Amino acid sequence: MQSLGYANEGLGAHTNNLYQVMIKQFYLALGNRPEARKYDHLRDVLSHYEELAMEGTRQCVENDFPGKFEWTSNNTLDYSSDKTIQSLRDVAMEIMHTALEHIRKEL
Protein backbone atom coordinates (compact mmCIF):
# COMPACT_ATOMS: atom_id res chain seq x y z
CA MET A 1 0.00 0.00 0.00
CA GLN A 2 1.77 3.10 -1.27
CA SER A 3 -0.30 5.50 0.83
CA LEU A 4 1.11 3.86 3.94
CA GLY A 5 4.65 4.70 2.81
CA TYR A 6 3.73 8.34 2.22
CA ALA A 7 2.02 8.49 5.61
CA ASN A 8 5.09 7.00 7.27
CA GLU A 9 7.24 9.75 5.74
CA GLY A 10 4.67 12.31 6.90
CA LEU A 11 4.85 10.95 10.45
CA GLY A 12 8.62 11.25 10.33
CA ALA A 13 8.25 14.87 9.31
CA HIS A 14 5.80 15.34 12.19
CA THR A 15 8.42 14.35 14.74
CA ASN A 16 10.60 17.20 13.42
CA ASN A 17 7.81 19.78 12.99
CA LEU A 18 8.35 19.88 9.22
CA TYR A 19 4.83 21.03 8.42
CA GLN A 20 5.40 21.62 4.71
CA VAL A 21 6.72 18.08 4.28
CA MET A 22 3.82 16.72 6.32
CA ILE A 23 1.30 18.42 4.06
CA LYS A 24 2.99 17.14 0.91
CA GLN A 25 3.35 13.55 2.18
CA PHE A 26 -0.13 13.22 3.62
CA TYR A 27 -1.52 14.78 0.45
CA LEU A 28 0.18 11.96 -1.46
CA ALA A 29 -1.16 9.45 1.08
CA LEU A 30 -4.71 10.65 0.36
CA GLY A 31 -4.14 9.99 -3.33
CA ASN A 32 -7.15 10.72 -5.51
CA ARG A 33 -9.70 10.71 -2.70
CA PRO A 34 -12.10 13.67 -2.81
CA GLU A 35 -10.74 14.93 0.54
CA ALA A 36 -7.38 15.63 -1.10
CA ARG A 37 -8.86 18.27 -3.41
CA LYS A 38 -9.10 20.76 -0.55
CA TYR A 39 -5.29 20.76 -0.40
CA ASP A 40 -4.51 20.82 -4.15
CA HIS A 41 -3.55 24.48 -4.36
CA LEU A 42 -1.68 24.63 -1.07
CA ARG A 43 0.34 21.58 -2.11
CA ASP A 44 1.14 23.37 -5.39
CA VAL A 45 2.29 26.45 -3.48
CA LEU A 46 4.54 24.32 -1.29
CA SER A 47 5.99 22.30 -4.18
CA HIS A 48 6.12 24.68 -7.15
CA TYR A 49 6.42 28.13 -5.66
CA GLU A 50 8.55 29.56 -8.50
CA GLU A 51 5.74 29.17 -11.03
CA LEU A 52 2.89 30.62 -9.02
CA ALA A 53 2.95 34.33 -9.70
CA MET A 54 1.35 33.90 -13.12
CA GLU A 55 -1.03 31.04 -12.35
CA GLY A 56 -3.30 32.64 -9.76
CA THR A 57 -2.61 29.85 -7.31
CA ARG A 58 -2.24 32.32 -4.46
CA GLN A 59 -5.86 33.35 -4.94
CA CYS A 60 -6.94 29.72 -4.99
CA VAL A 61 -5.14 29.11 -1.67
CA GLU A 62 -6.83 32.21 -0.26
CA ASN A 63 -10.20 30.84 -1.41
CA ASP A 64 -9.49 27.44 0.19
CA PHE A 65 -7.96 28.83 3.40
CA PRO A 66 -9.22 32.43 3.76
CA GLY A 67 -6.96 34.70 5.78
CA LYS A 68 -4.70 31.92 7.01
CA PHE A 69 -1.46 32.82 5.25
CA GLU A 70 0.75 35.83 4.68
CA TRP A 71 2.54 36.32 1.37
CA THR A 72 5.71 37.95 0.09
CA SER A 73 5.76 40.48 -2.72
CA ASN A 74 6.72 37.59 -5.06
CA ASN A 75 3.45 35.74 -4.30
CA THR A 76 5.20 33.06 -2.26
CA LEU A 77 4.25 32.09 1.26
CA ASP A 78 5.96 34.21 3.90
CA TYR A 79 7.59 31.39 5.84
CA SER A 80 8.96 33.84 8.42
CA SER A 81 5.45 34.93 9.41
CA ASP A 82 4.11 33.53 12.68
CA LYS A 83 0.65 33.45 11.11
CA THR A 84 1.85 31.33 8.19
CA ILE A 85 3.84 29.00 10.45
CA GLN A 86 0.82 28.43 12.70
CA SER A 87 -1.48 27.90 9.71
CA LEU A 88 0.92 25.39 8.15
CA ARG A 89 0.96 23.54 11.47
CA ASP A 90 -2.84 23.54 11.68
CA VAL A 91 -3.28 22.34 8.10
CA ALA A 92 -0.57 19.69 8.54
CA MET A 93 -2.33 18.28 11.59
CA GLU A 94 -5.69 18.36 9.80
CA ILE A 95 -4.48 16.54 6.70
CA MET A 96 -2.53 14.06 8.84
CA HIS A 97 -5.66 13.07 10.75
CA THR A 98 -7.69 12.82 7.54
CA ALA A 99 -5.10 10.63 5.79
CA LEU A 100 -4.54 8.36 8.80
CA GLU A 101 -8.28 7.87 9.19
CA HIS A 102 -8.53 6.65 5.59
CA ILE A 103 -5.52 4.38 5.96
CA ARG A 104 -6.93 2.84 9.15
CA LYS A 105 -10.15 2.02 7.32
CA GLU A 106 -8.18 0.26 4.56
CA LEU A 107 -6.13 -1.90 6.92
C-alpha atoms as a PDB file:
ATOM      1  CA  MET A   1       0.000   0.000   0.000  1.00  0.00           C
ATOM      2  CA  GLN A   2       1.768   3.100  -1.273  1.00  0.00           C
ATOM      3  CA  SER A   3      -0.300   5.499   0.829  1.00  0.00           C
ATOM      4  CA  LEU A   4       1.114   3.857   3.944  1.00  0.00           C
ATOM      5  CA  GLY A   5       4.651   4.699   2.807  1.00  0.00           C
ATOM      6  CA  TYR A   6       3.727   8.339   2.224  1.00  0.00           C
ATOM      7  CA  ALA A   7       2.018   8.491   5.607  1.00  0.00           C
ATOM      8  CA  ASN A   8       5.089   7.000   7.270  1.00  0.00           C
ATOM      9  CA  GLU A   9       7.240   9.755   5.745  1.00  0.00           C
ATOM     10  CA  GLY A  10       4.673  12.310   6.904  1.00  0.00           C
ATOM     11  CA  LEU A  11       4.851  10.949  10.448  1.00  0.00           C
ATOM     12  CA  GLY A  12       8.619  11.246  10.326  1.00  0.00           C
ATOM     13  CA  ALA A  13       8.248  14.872   9.307  1.00  0.00           C
ATOM     14  CA  HIS A  14       5.798  15.344  12.186  1.00  0.00           C
ATOM     15  CA  THR A  15       8.420  14.354  14.741  1.00  0.00           C
ATOM     16  CA  ASN A  16      10.604  17.197  13.421  1.00  0.00           C
ATOM     17  CA  ASN A  17       7.812  19.777  12.991  1.00  0.00           C
ATOM     18  CA  LEU A  18       8.346  19.877   9.219  1.00  0.00           C
ATOM     19  CA  TYR A  19       4.826  21.031   8.417  1.00  0.00           C
ATOM     20  CA  GLN A  20       5.401  21.620   4.708  1.00  0.00           C
ATOM     21  CA  VAL A  21       6.725  18.080   4.278  1.00  0.00           C
ATOM     22  CA  MET A  22       3.824  16.718   6.321  1.00  0.00           C
ATOM     23  CA  ILE A  23       1.304  18.423   4.057  1.00  0.00           C
ATOM     24  CA  LYS A  24       2.987  17.137   0.914  1.00  0.00           C
ATOM     25  CA  GLN A  25       3.353  13.551   2.181  1.00  0.00           C
ATOM     26  CA  PHE A  26      -0.130  13.218   3.624  1.00  0.00           C
ATOM     27  CA  TYR A  27      -1.517  14.778   0.450  1.00  0.00           C
ATOM     28  CA  LEU A  28       0.175  11.957  -1.464  1.00  0.00           C
ATOM     29  CA  ALA A  29      -1.161   9.450   1.080  1.00  0.00           C
ATOM     30  CA  LEU A  30      -4.708  10.649   0.362  1.00  0.00           C
ATOM     31  CA  GLY A  31      -4.142   9.988  -3.331  1.00  0.00           C
ATOM     32  CA  ASN A  32      -7.150  10.720  -5.512  1.00  0.00           C
ATOM     33  CA  ARG A  33      -9.698  10.714  -2.699  1.00  0.00           C
ATOM     34  CA  PRO A  34     -12.103  13.670  -2.805  1.00  0.00           C
ATOM     35  CA  GLU A  35     -10.744  14.932   0.539  1.00  0.00           C
ATOM     36  CA  ALA A  36      -7.379  15.628  -1.095  1.00  0.00           C
ATOM     37  CA  ARG A  37      -8.862  18.275  -3.411  1.00  0.00           C
ATOM     38  CA  LYS A  38      -9.103  20.761  -0.552  1.00  0.00           C
ATOM     39  CA  TYR A  39      -5.292  20.759  -0.399  1.00  0.00           C
ATOM     40  CA  ASP A  40      -4.511  20.819  -4.151  1.00  0.00           C
ATOM     41  CA  HIS A  41      -3.554  24.481  -4.363  1.00  0.00           C
ATOM     42  CA  LEU A  42      -1.682  24.629  -1.072  1.00  0.00           C
ATOM     43  CA  ARG A  43       0.340  21.583  -2.110  1.00  0.00           C
ATOM     44  CA  ASP A  44       1.136  23.367  -5.386  1.00  0.00           C
ATOM     45  CA  VAL A  45       2.289  26.450  -3.478  1.00  0.00           C
ATOM     46  CA  LEU A  46       4.544  24.317  -1.291  1.00  0.00           C
ATOM     47  CA  SER A  47       5.993  22.303  -4.175  1.00  0.00           C
ATOM     48  CA  HIS A  48       6.121  24.675  -7.152  1.00  0.00           C
ATOM     49  CA  TYR A  49       6.424  28.133  -5.656  1.00  0.00           C
ATOM     50  CA  GLU A  50       8.545  29.555  -8.496  1.00  0.00           C
ATOM     51  CA  GLU A  51       5.744  29.174 -11.033  1.00  0.00           C
ATOM     52  CA  LEU A  52       2.886  30.620  -9.018  1.00  0.00           C
ATOM     53  CA  ALA A  53       2.952  34.327  -9.702  1.00  0.00           C
ATOM     54  CA  MET A  54       1.347  33.900 -13.117  1.00  0.00           C
ATOM     55  CA  GLU A  55      -1.034  31.044 -12.353  1.00  0.00           C
ATOM     56  CA  GLY A  56      -3.298  32.644  -9.759  1.00  0.00           C
ATOM     57  CA  THR A  57      -2.610  29.847  -7.308  1.00  0.00           C
ATOM     58  CA  ARG A  58      -2.244  32.318  -4.455  1.00  0.00           C
ATOM     59  CA  GLN A  59      -5.865  33.349  -4.943  1.00  0.00           C
ATOM     60  CA  CYS A  60      -6.940  29.719  -4.992  1.00  0.00           C
ATOM     61  CA  VAL A  61      -5.145  29.111  -1.671  1.00  0.00           C
ATOM     62  CA  GLU A  62      -6.835  32.207  -0.262  1.00  0.00           C
ATOM     63  CA  ASN A  63     -10.199  30.843  -1.408  1.00  0.00           C
ATOM     64  CA  ASP A  64      -9.495  27.437   0.187  1.00  0.00           C
ATOM     65  CA  PHE A  65      -7.965  28.835   3.405  1.00  0.00           C
ATOM     66  CA  PRO A  66      -9.217  32.429   3.758  1.00  0.00           C
ATOM     67  CA  GLY A  67      -6.961  34.700   5.775  1.00  0.00           C
ATOM     68  CA  LYS A  68      -4.703  31.917   7.011  1.00  0.00           C
ATOM     69  CA  PHE A  69      -1.463  32.825   5.246  1.00  0.00           C
ATOM     70  CA  GLU A  70       0.752  35.831   4.675  1.00  0.00           C
ATOM     71  CA  TRP A  71       2.542  36.315   1.365  1.00  0.00           C
ATOM     72  CA  THR A  72       5.710  37.952   0.086  1.00  0.00           C
ATOM     73  CA  SER A  73       5.765  40.482  -2.719  1.00  0.00           C
ATOM     74  CA  ASN A  74       6.719  37.591  -5.056  1.00  0.00           C
ATOM     75  CA  ASN A  75       3.454  35.738  -4.297  1.00  0.00           C
ATOM     76  CA  THR A  76       5.199  33.058  -2.257  1.00  0.00           C
ATOM     77  CA  LEU A  77       4.248  32.086   1.256  1.00  0.00           C
ATOM     78  CA  ASP A  78       5.958  34.205   3.901  1.00  0.00           C
ATOM     79  CA  TYR A  79       7.586  31.394   5.843  1.00  0.00           C
ATOM     80  CA  SER A  80       8.958  33.837   8.422  1.00  0.00           C
ATOM     81  CA  SER A  81       5.446  34.928   9.413  1.00  0.00           C
ATOM     82  CA  ASP A  82       4.106  33.527  12.681  1.00  0.00           C
ATOM     83  CA  LYS A  83       0.649  33.450  11.107  1.00  0.00           C
ATOM     84  CA  THR A  84       1.853  31.327   8.187  1.00  0.00           C
ATOM     85  CA  ILE A  85       3.842  28.998  10.446  1.00  0.00           C
ATOM     86  CA  GLN A  86       0.819  28.432  12.701  1.00  0.00           C
ATOM     87  CA  SER A  87      -1.478  27.901   9.706  1.00  0.00           C
ATOM     88  CA  LEU A  88       0.916  25.386   8.146  1.00  0.00           C
ATOM     89  CA  ARG A  89       0.964  23.536  11.469  1.00  0.00           C
ATOM     90  CA  ASP A  90      -2.839  23.538  11.675  1.00  0.00           C
ATOM     91  CA  VAL A  91      -3.279  22.344   8.095  1.00  0.00           C
ATOM     92  CA  ALA A  92      -0.575  19.690   8.541  1.00  0.00           C
ATOM     93  CA  MET A  93      -2.332  18.282  11.595  1.00  0.00           C
ATOM     94  CA  GLU A  94      -5.694  18.358   9.801  1.00  0.00           C
ATOM     95  CA  ILE A  95      -4.478  16.540   6.700  1.00  0.00           C
ATOM     96  CA  MET A  96      -2.528  14.060   8.837  1.00  0.00           C
ATOM     97  CA  HIS A  97      -5.659  13.070  10.746  1.00  0.00           C
ATOM     98  CA  THR A  98      -7.688  12.823   7.536  1.00  0.00           C
ATOM     99  CA  ALA A  99      -5.101  10.635   5.795  1.00  0.00           C
ATOM    100  CA  LEU A 100      -4.537   8.357   8.798  1.00  0.00           C
ATOM    101  CA  GLU A 101      -8.285   7.872   9.190  1.00  0.00           C
ATOM    102  CA  HIS A 102      -8.530   6.654   5.591  1.00  0.00           C
ATOM    103  CA  ILE A 103      -5.518   4.385   5.956  1.00  0.00           C
ATOM    104  CA  ARG A 104      -6.926   2.837   9.153  1.00  0.00           C
ATOM    105  CA  LYS A 105     -10.151   2.019   7.316  1.00  0.00           C
ATOM    106  CA  GLU A 106      -8.181   0.257   4.559  1.00  0.00           C
ATOM    107  CA  LEU A 107      -6.127  -1.900   6.925  1.00  0.00           C
END
